[in-house]
N, C-alpha and C. Protein backbone atom coordinates (compact mmCIF):
# COMPACT_ATOMS: atom_id res chain seq x y z
N UNK A 1 23.25 -22.57 30.88
CA UNK A 1 22.53 -21.46 31.45
C UNK A 1 22.42 -20.33 30.42
N UNK A 2 23.43 -20.14 29.65
CA UNK A 2 23.43 -19.09 28.64
C UNK A 2 22.34 -19.34 27.59
N UNK A 3 22.15 -20.59 27.19
CA UNK A 3 21.12 -20.92 26.20
C UNK A 3 19.73 -20.56 26.71
N UNK A 4 19.47 -20.83 27.96
CA UNK A 4 18.17 -20.53 28.56
C UNK A 4 17.91 -19.03 28.53
N UNK A 5 18.91 -18.24 28.84
CA UNK A 5 18.76 -16.79 28.83
C UNK A 5 18.43 -16.29 27.43
N UNK A 6 19.16 -16.79 26.43
CA UNK A 6 18.91 -16.36 25.05
C UNK A 6 17.53 -16.80 24.57
N UNK A 7 17.14 -17.99 24.92
CA UNK A 7 15.81 -18.47 24.53
C UNK A 7 14.72 -17.62 25.17
N UNK A 8 14.88 -17.26 26.42
CA UNK A 8 13.89 -16.43 27.09
C UNK A 8 13.83 -15.05 26.46
N UNK A 9 14.98 -14.50 26.09
CA UNK A 9 15.02 -13.18 25.45
C UNK A 9 14.34 -13.23 24.08
N UNK A 10 14.57 -14.30 23.33
CA UNK A 10 13.97 -14.42 22.01
C UNK A 10 12.46 -14.55 22.09
N UNK A 11 11.95 -15.19 23.10
CA UNK A 11 10.51 -15.35 23.27
C UNK A 11 9.88 -14.05 23.74
N UNK A 12 10.55 -13.32 24.62
CA UNK A 12 9.98 -12.10 25.18
C UNK A 12 10.05 -10.92 24.20
N UNK A 13 11.05 -10.88 23.33
CA UNK A 13 11.28 -9.72 22.47
C UNK A 13 10.12 -9.40 21.53
N UNK A 14 9.49 -10.38 20.86
CA UNK A 14 8.48 -10.02 19.86
C UNK A 14 7.08 -9.76 20.41
N UNK A 15 6.91 -9.57 21.69
CA UNK A 15 5.57 -9.39 22.25
C UNK A 15 4.87 -8.18 21.65
N UNK A 16 5.52 -7.04 21.58
CA UNK A 16 4.88 -5.84 21.04
C UNK A 16 4.55 -5.99 19.56
N UNK A 17 5.50 -6.44 18.71
CA UNK A 17 5.12 -6.61 17.30
C UNK A 17 3.97 -7.59 17.10
N UNK A 18 3.93 -8.67 17.87
CA UNK A 18 2.82 -9.62 17.73
C UNK A 18 1.50 -8.98 18.11
N UNK A 19 1.51 -8.11 19.10
CA UNK A 19 0.27 -7.42 19.47
C UNK A 19 -0.18 -6.52 18.33
N UNK A 20 0.77 -5.84 17.68
CA UNK A 20 0.41 -4.99 16.54
C UNK A 20 -0.14 -5.82 15.40
N UNK A 21 0.46 -7.00 15.15
CA UNK A 21 -0.05 -7.86 14.08
C UNK A 21 -1.46 -8.33 14.38
N UNK A 22 -1.74 -8.62 15.63
CA UNK A 22 -3.09 -9.06 15.99
C UNK A 22 -4.11 -7.95 15.74
N UNK A 23 -3.70 -6.71 15.98
CA UNK A 23 -4.62 -5.58 15.76
C UNK A 23 -4.84 -5.36 14.28
N UNK A 24 -3.88 -5.73 13.47
CA UNK A 24 -4.00 -5.58 12.03
C UNK A 24 -3.43 -4.27 11.52
N UNK A 25 -3.11 -4.26 10.24
CA UNK A 25 -2.53 -3.10 9.59
C UNK A 25 -3.46 -1.90 9.66
N UNK A 26 -4.73 -2.11 9.41
CA UNK A 26 -5.69 -1.00 9.40
C UNK A 26 -5.77 -0.34 10.77
N UNK A 27 -5.81 -1.14 11.82
CA UNK A 27 -5.87 -0.58 13.18
C UNK A 27 -4.61 0.17 13.51
N UNK A 28 -3.47 -0.36 13.12
CA UNK A 28 -2.20 0.32 13.40
C UNK A 28 -2.12 1.65 12.66
N UNK A 29 -2.60 1.70 11.41
CA UNK A 29 -2.55 2.94 10.64
C UNK A 29 -3.53 3.97 11.15
N UNK A 30 -4.65 3.54 11.71
CA UNK A 30 -5.65 4.49 12.15
C UNK A 30 -5.15 5.34 13.31
N UNK A 31 -4.08 4.91 13.97
CA UNK A 31 -3.50 5.68 15.07
C UNK A 31 -2.29 6.48 14.61
N UNK A 32 -2.00 6.53 13.33
CA UNK A 32 -0.79 7.15 12.82
C UNK A 32 -0.99 8.59 12.35
N UNK A 33 -2.04 9.26 12.77
CA UNK A 33 -2.28 10.64 12.36
C UNK A 33 -3.37 10.71 11.32
N UNK A 34 -3.46 11.85 10.61
CA UNK A 34 -4.53 12.05 9.62
C UNK A 34 -4.48 10.99 8.53
N UNK A 35 -5.64 10.46 8.17
CA UNK A 35 -5.73 9.47 7.11
C UNK A 35 -6.22 10.14 5.84
N UNK A 36 -5.75 9.64 4.71
CA UNK A 36 -6.07 10.22 3.42
C UNK A 36 -6.53 9.12 2.48
N UNK A 37 -7.40 9.47 1.57
CA UNK A 37 -7.86 8.56 0.53
C UNK A 37 -7.76 9.26 -0.81
N UNK A 38 -7.32 8.55 -1.84
CA UNK A 38 -7.23 9.13 -3.17
C UNK A 38 -7.45 8.04 -4.22
N UNK A 39 -8.20 8.39 -5.27
CA UNK A 39 -8.38 7.52 -6.43
C UNK A 39 -7.32 7.90 -7.46
N UNK A 40 -6.92 6.94 -8.28
CA UNK A 40 -5.90 7.23 -9.29
C UNK A 40 -6.17 6.46 -10.57
N UNK A 41 -5.62 6.99 -11.67
CA UNK A 41 -5.62 6.28 -12.95
C UNK A 41 -4.30 6.60 -13.63
N UNK A 42 -3.59 5.54 -14.01
CA UNK A 42 -2.26 5.68 -14.62
C UNK A 42 -2.38 5.38 -16.11
N UNK A 43 -1.84 6.30 -16.93
CA UNK A 43 -1.90 6.20 -18.39
C UNK A 43 -0.50 5.95 -18.95
N UNK A 44 -0.43 5.27 -20.07
CA UNK A 44 0.84 4.96 -20.74
C UNK A 44 0.87 3.49 -21.09
N UNK A 45 2.07 2.92 -21.14
CA UNK A 45 2.19 1.47 -21.33
C UNK A 45 2.29 0.87 -19.93
N UNK A 46 1.14 0.63 -19.34
CA UNK A 46 1.10 0.26 -17.92
C UNK A 46 0.42 -1.09 -17.68
N UNK A 47 0.16 -1.83 -18.74
CA UNK A 47 -0.40 -3.18 -18.61
C UNK A 47 0.48 -4.12 -19.41
N UNK A 48 0.39 -5.41 -19.09
CA UNK A 48 1.09 -6.39 -19.90
C UNK A 48 2.24 -7.05 -19.19
N UNK A 49 3.38 -7.15 -19.88
CA UNK A 49 4.56 -7.86 -19.36
C UNK A 49 4.96 -7.35 -17.98
N UNK A 50 5.32 -8.28 -17.12
CA UNK A 50 5.82 -7.90 -15.80
C UNK A 50 4.73 -7.65 -14.78
N UNK A 51 3.48 -7.79 -15.17
CA UNK A 51 2.34 -7.62 -14.27
C UNK A 51 2.42 -6.36 -13.41
N UNK A 52 2.22 -5.19 -14.03
CA UNK A 52 2.27 -3.94 -13.28
C UNK A 52 1.35 -3.88 -12.05
N UNK A 53 0.20 -4.55 -12.11
CA UNK A 53 -0.68 -4.53 -10.93
C UNK A 53 -0.02 -5.26 -9.77
N UNK A 54 0.72 -6.33 -10.05
CA UNK A 54 1.43 -7.05 -8.99
C UNK A 54 2.50 -6.17 -8.38
N UNK A 55 3.22 -5.42 -9.21
CA UNK A 55 4.23 -4.49 -8.69
C UNK A 55 3.57 -3.40 -7.85
N UNK A 56 2.41 -2.92 -8.29
CA UNK A 56 1.70 -1.89 -7.54
C UNK A 56 1.28 -2.43 -6.18
N UNK A 57 0.74 -3.64 -6.16
CA UNK A 57 0.36 -4.26 -4.89
C UNK A 57 1.57 -4.40 -3.96
N UNK A 58 2.68 -4.85 -4.50
CA UNK A 58 3.89 -5.02 -3.70
C UNK A 58 4.40 -3.71 -3.14
N UNK A 59 4.40 -2.67 -3.96
CA UNK A 59 4.87 -1.35 -3.50
C UNK A 59 3.94 -0.79 -2.43
N UNK A 60 2.64 -0.96 -2.61
CA UNK A 60 1.68 -0.47 -1.62
C UNK A 60 1.91 -1.15 -0.27
N UNK A 61 2.13 -2.45 -0.31
CA UNK A 61 2.38 -3.18 0.94
C UNK A 61 3.70 -2.76 1.56
N UNK A 62 4.70 -2.50 0.74
CA UNK A 62 6.00 -2.05 1.24
C UNK A 62 5.88 -0.68 1.91
N UNK A 63 5.16 0.22 1.26
CA UNK A 63 4.98 1.58 1.82
C UNK A 63 4.07 1.53 3.05
N UNK A 64 3.07 0.66 3.02
CA UNK A 64 2.16 0.53 4.16
C UNK A 64 0.84 1.24 3.97
N UNK A 65 0.28 1.14 2.75
CA UNK A 65 -1.04 1.70 2.48
C UNK A 65 -2.00 0.57 2.13
N UNK A 66 -3.29 0.87 2.16
CA UNK A 66 -4.32 -0.10 1.80
C UNK A 66 -5.10 0.42 0.61
N UNK A 67 -5.89 -0.47 -0.02
CA UNK A 67 -6.70 -0.08 -1.16
C UNK A 67 -6.73 -1.17 -2.19
N UNK A 68 -6.74 -0.76 -3.47
CA UNK A 68 -6.83 -1.74 -4.55
C UNK A 68 -6.28 -1.18 -5.85
N UNK A 69 -6.02 -2.09 -6.80
CA UNK A 69 -5.54 -1.74 -8.14
C UNK A 69 -6.22 -2.66 -9.14
N UNK A 70 -6.45 -2.14 -10.35
CA UNK A 70 -7.14 -2.94 -11.37
C UNK A 70 -6.73 -2.47 -12.76
N UNK A 71 -6.53 -3.42 -13.68
CA UNK A 71 -6.35 -3.08 -15.09
C UNK A 71 -7.72 -2.74 -15.67
N UNK A 72 -7.77 -1.72 -16.52
CA UNK A 72 -9.04 -1.36 -17.16
C UNK A 72 -9.07 -1.89 -18.60
N UNK A 73 -10.23 -1.88 -19.18
CA UNK A 73 -10.38 -2.34 -20.57
C UNK A 73 -9.80 -1.34 -21.56
N UNK A 74 -9.52 -0.12 -21.11
CA UNK A 74 -8.96 0.90 -22.01
C UNK A 74 -7.43 0.97 -21.94
N UNK A 75 -6.81 0.05 -21.19
CA UNK A 75 -5.35 0.00 -21.15
C UNK A 75 -4.70 0.79 -20.03
N UNK A 76 -5.50 1.34 -19.13
CA UNK A 76 -4.94 2.07 -18.00
C UNK A 76 -4.97 1.18 -16.75
N UNK A 77 -4.38 1.69 -15.69
CA UNK A 77 -4.46 1.04 -14.38
C UNK A 77 -5.15 2.01 -13.45
N UNK A 78 -6.15 1.55 -12.73
CA UNK A 78 -6.91 2.42 -11.84
C UNK A 78 -6.96 1.80 -10.45
N UNK A 79 -7.28 2.63 -9.46
CA UNK A 79 -7.39 2.10 -8.11
C UNK A 79 -7.61 3.17 -7.07
N UNK A 80 -7.45 2.77 -5.83
CA UNK A 80 -7.61 3.68 -4.70
C UNK A 80 -6.55 3.35 -3.65
N UNK A 81 -6.03 4.38 -3.02
CA UNK A 81 -5.03 4.24 -1.97
C UNK A 81 -5.54 4.96 -0.73
N UNK A 82 -5.37 4.32 0.44
CA UNK A 82 -5.74 4.93 1.71
C UNK A 82 -4.64 4.67 2.73
N UNK A 83 -4.46 5.61 3.64
CA UNK A 83 -3.49 5.44 4.71
C UNK A 83 -3.08 6.78 5.28
N UNK A 84 -2.05 6.78 6.13
CA UNK A 84 -1.53 8.04 6.66
C UNK A 84 -1.07 8.95 5.51
N UNK A 85 -1.27 10.23 5.67
CA UNK A 85 -1.01 11.19 4.60
C UNK A 85 0.36 11.04 3.96
N UNK A 86 1.41 10.92 4.78
CA UNK A 86 2.77 10.84 4.21
C UNK A 86 2.98 9.55 3.41
N UNK A 87 2.32 8.47 3.81
CA UNK A 87 2.45 7.21 3.07
C UNK A 87 1.66 7.26 1.76
N UNK A 88 0.49 7.87 1.79
CA UNK A 88 -0.29 8.03 0.56
C UNK A 88 0.48 8.91 -0.42
N UNK A 89 1.11 9.96 0.08
CA UNK A 89 1.92 10.83 -0.78
C UNK A 89 3.09 10.07 -1.41
N UNK A 90 3.71 9.17 -0.65
CA UNK A 90 4.79 8.33 -1.19
C UNK A 90 4.27 7.43 -2.30
N UNK A 91 3.10 6.85 -2.10
CA UNK A 91 2.52 5.98 -3.12
C UNK A 91 2.14 6.78 -4.36
N UNK A 92 1.62 7.99 -4.17
CA UNK A 92 1.29 8.85 -5.31
C UNK A 92 2.54 9.14 -6.14
N UNK A 93 3.64 9.39 -5.47
CA UNK A 93 4.89 9.66 -6.17
C UNK A 93 5.33 8.43 -6.97
N UNK A 94 5.24 7.26 -6.36
CA UNK A 94 5.62 6.02 -7.06
C UNK A 94 4.72 5.79 -8.27
N UNK A 95 3.42 6.01 -8.11
CA UNK A 95 2.47 5.82 -9.22
C UNK A 95 2.73 6.80 -10.36
N UNK A 96 3.22 7.99 -10.04
CA UNK A 96 3.45 9.03 -11.05
C UNK A 96 4.79 8.91 -11.75
N UNK A 97 5.81 8.45 -11.02
CA UNK A 97 7.18 8.56 -11.53
C UNK A 97 7.91 7.24 -11.72
N UNK A 98 7.52 6.19 -11.01
CA UNK A 98 8.31 4.95 -11.03
C UNK A 98 7.54 3.82 -11.73
N UNK A 99 6.51 3.32 -11.08
CA UNK A 99 5.74 2.21 -11.64
C UNK A 99 6.53 0.92 -11.72
N UNK A 100 6.01 -0.04 -12.45
CA UNK A 100 6.69 -1.33 -12.59
C UNK A 100 7.86 -1.18 -13.57
N UNK A 101 8.82 -2.11 -13.51
CA UNK A 101 9.99 -2.02 -14.39
C UNK A 101 9.65 -1.98 -15.88
N UNK A 102 8.58 -2.65 -16.29
CA UNK A 102 8.25 -2.70 -17.72
C UNK A 102 7.29 -1.60 -18.16
N UNK A 103 6.90 -0.73 -17.25
CA UNK A 103 5.90 0.29 -17.60
C UNK A 103 6.54 1.57 -18.13
N UNK A 104 5.74 2.33 -18.88
CA UNK A 104 6.10 3.68 -19.29
C UNK A 104 4.92 4.55 -18.89
N UNK A 105 5.11 5.39 -17.90
CA UNK A 105 4.03 6.22 -17.40
C UNK A 105 4.01 7.53 -18.17
N UNK A 106 2.88 7.81 -18.84
CA UNK A 106 2.70 9.08 -19.54
C UNK A 106 2.15 10.13 -18.59
N UNK A 107 1.16 9.74 -17.81
CA UNK A 107 0.59 10.66 -16.80
C UNK A 107 -0.22 9.85 -15.80
N UNK A 108 -0.44 10.44 -14.64
CA UNK A 108 -1.27 9.83 -13.61
C UNK A 108 -2.26 10.88 -13.14
N UNK A 109 -3.54 10.54 -13.17
CA UNK A 109 -4.58 11.44 -12.67
C UNK A 109 -5.00 11.00 -11.27
N UNK A 110 -5.07 11.95 -10.37
CA UNK A 110 -5.55 11.70 -9.01
C UNK A 110 -6.86 12.46 -8.83
N UNK A 111 -7.82 11.82 -8.18
CA UNK A 111 -9.12 12.46 -7.96
C UNK A 111 -9.70 12.02 -6.62
N UNK A 112 -10.72 12.71 -6.20
CA UNK A 112 -11.42 12.40 -4.95
C UNK A 112 -10.48 12.32 -3.75
N UNK A 113 -9.46 13.16 -3.74
CA UNK A 113 -8.51 13.17 -2.62
C UNK A 113 -9.19 13.82 -1.42
N UNK A 114 -9.19 13.10 -0.30
CA UNK A 114 -9.88 13.61 0.88
C UNK A 114 -9.30 13.02 2.15
N UNK A 115 -9.57 13.71 3.25
CA UNK A 115 -9.23 13.20 4.58
C UNK A 115 -10.36 12.29 5.02
N UNK A 116 -10.00 11.14 5.59
CA UNK A 116 -11.01 10.18 6.05
C UNK A 116 -10.80 9.90 7.54
N UNK A 117 -11.85 9.49 8.21
CA UNK A 117 -11.75 9.21 9.65
C UNK A 117 -11.33 7.78 9.93
N UNK A 118 -11.61 6.86 8.99
CA UNK A 118 -11.17 5.47 9.16
C UNK A 118 -10.95 4.84 7.80
N UNK A 119 -10.12 3.80 7.78
CA UNK A 119 -9.82 3.10 6.54
C UNK A 119 -10.99 2.23 6.11
N UNK A 120 -11.23 2.16 4.81
CA UNK A 120 -12.30 1.33 4.27
C UNK A 120 -11.81 -0.06 3.89
N UNK A 121 -10.49 -0.28 3.88
CA UNK A 121 -9.89 -1.56 3.49
C UNK A 121 -8.95 -2.02 4.58
N UNK A 122 -8.72 -3.32 4.64
CA UNK A 122 -7.80 -3.85 5.64
C UNK A 122 -6.46 -4.26 5.02
N UNK A 123 -6.38 -4.25 3.67
CA UNK A 123 -5.13 -4.58 2.98
C UNK A 123 -5.14 -3.94 1.60
N UNK A 124 -4.14 -4.28 0.80
CA UNK A 124 -4.09 -3.80 -0.59
C UNK A 124 -4.24 -5.03 -1.48
N UNK A 125 -5.14 -4.93 -2.47
CA UNK A 125 -5.43 -6.11 -3.28
C UNK A 125 -5.55 -5.75 -4.75
N UNK A 126 -5.45 -6.78 -5.60
CA UNK A 126 -5.67 -6.64 -7.02
C UNK A 126 -7.11 -7.04 -7.32
N UNK A 127 -7.81 -6.18 -8.03
CA UNK A 127 -9.18 -6.49 -8.45
C UNK A 127 -9.16 -6.95 -9.90
N UNK A 128 -10.11 -7.83 -10.23
CA UNK A 128 -10.18 -8.35 -11.60
C UNK A 128 -11.51 -8.02 -12.23
C-alpha cells in the first residue's frame, strides 16, 4: 500500500512544472515582469580554445534568457540577450566580467538596450 501512495505522489507532483514546460520558456518569461533586450559585443581574447560561444549559450540557459551569440570575423563575440530585466542584467555582468574559462575580456559594449513587450526568440542559440 505504501508503494502505491508514493507512486501516486510522484505522478501528481510534476503537474505544474510540466504545464510550464508545455508553455515554453518564452511564455513563462513573458509573465515575469518587464522584458529587456540588449545587443552586445565582447572584445579581448574571446574566441578559440574552450569554445566561448558554447559557454555563453550555457550561461544564458542557466540564467534563463533568450537570444543568440556569434563569433565575428574581427575576433570579437557578438549577440543579443532578451528576458526579464534582472536576468538580462545578470547576463550582462557575466559577459563583462566572467566569460568562458579560457577568455580574457578587455571590454564589453552594450547597445540598443530597450524595454520590449514580447520576446523575439524562444531559446538561446549559437549563430554561425
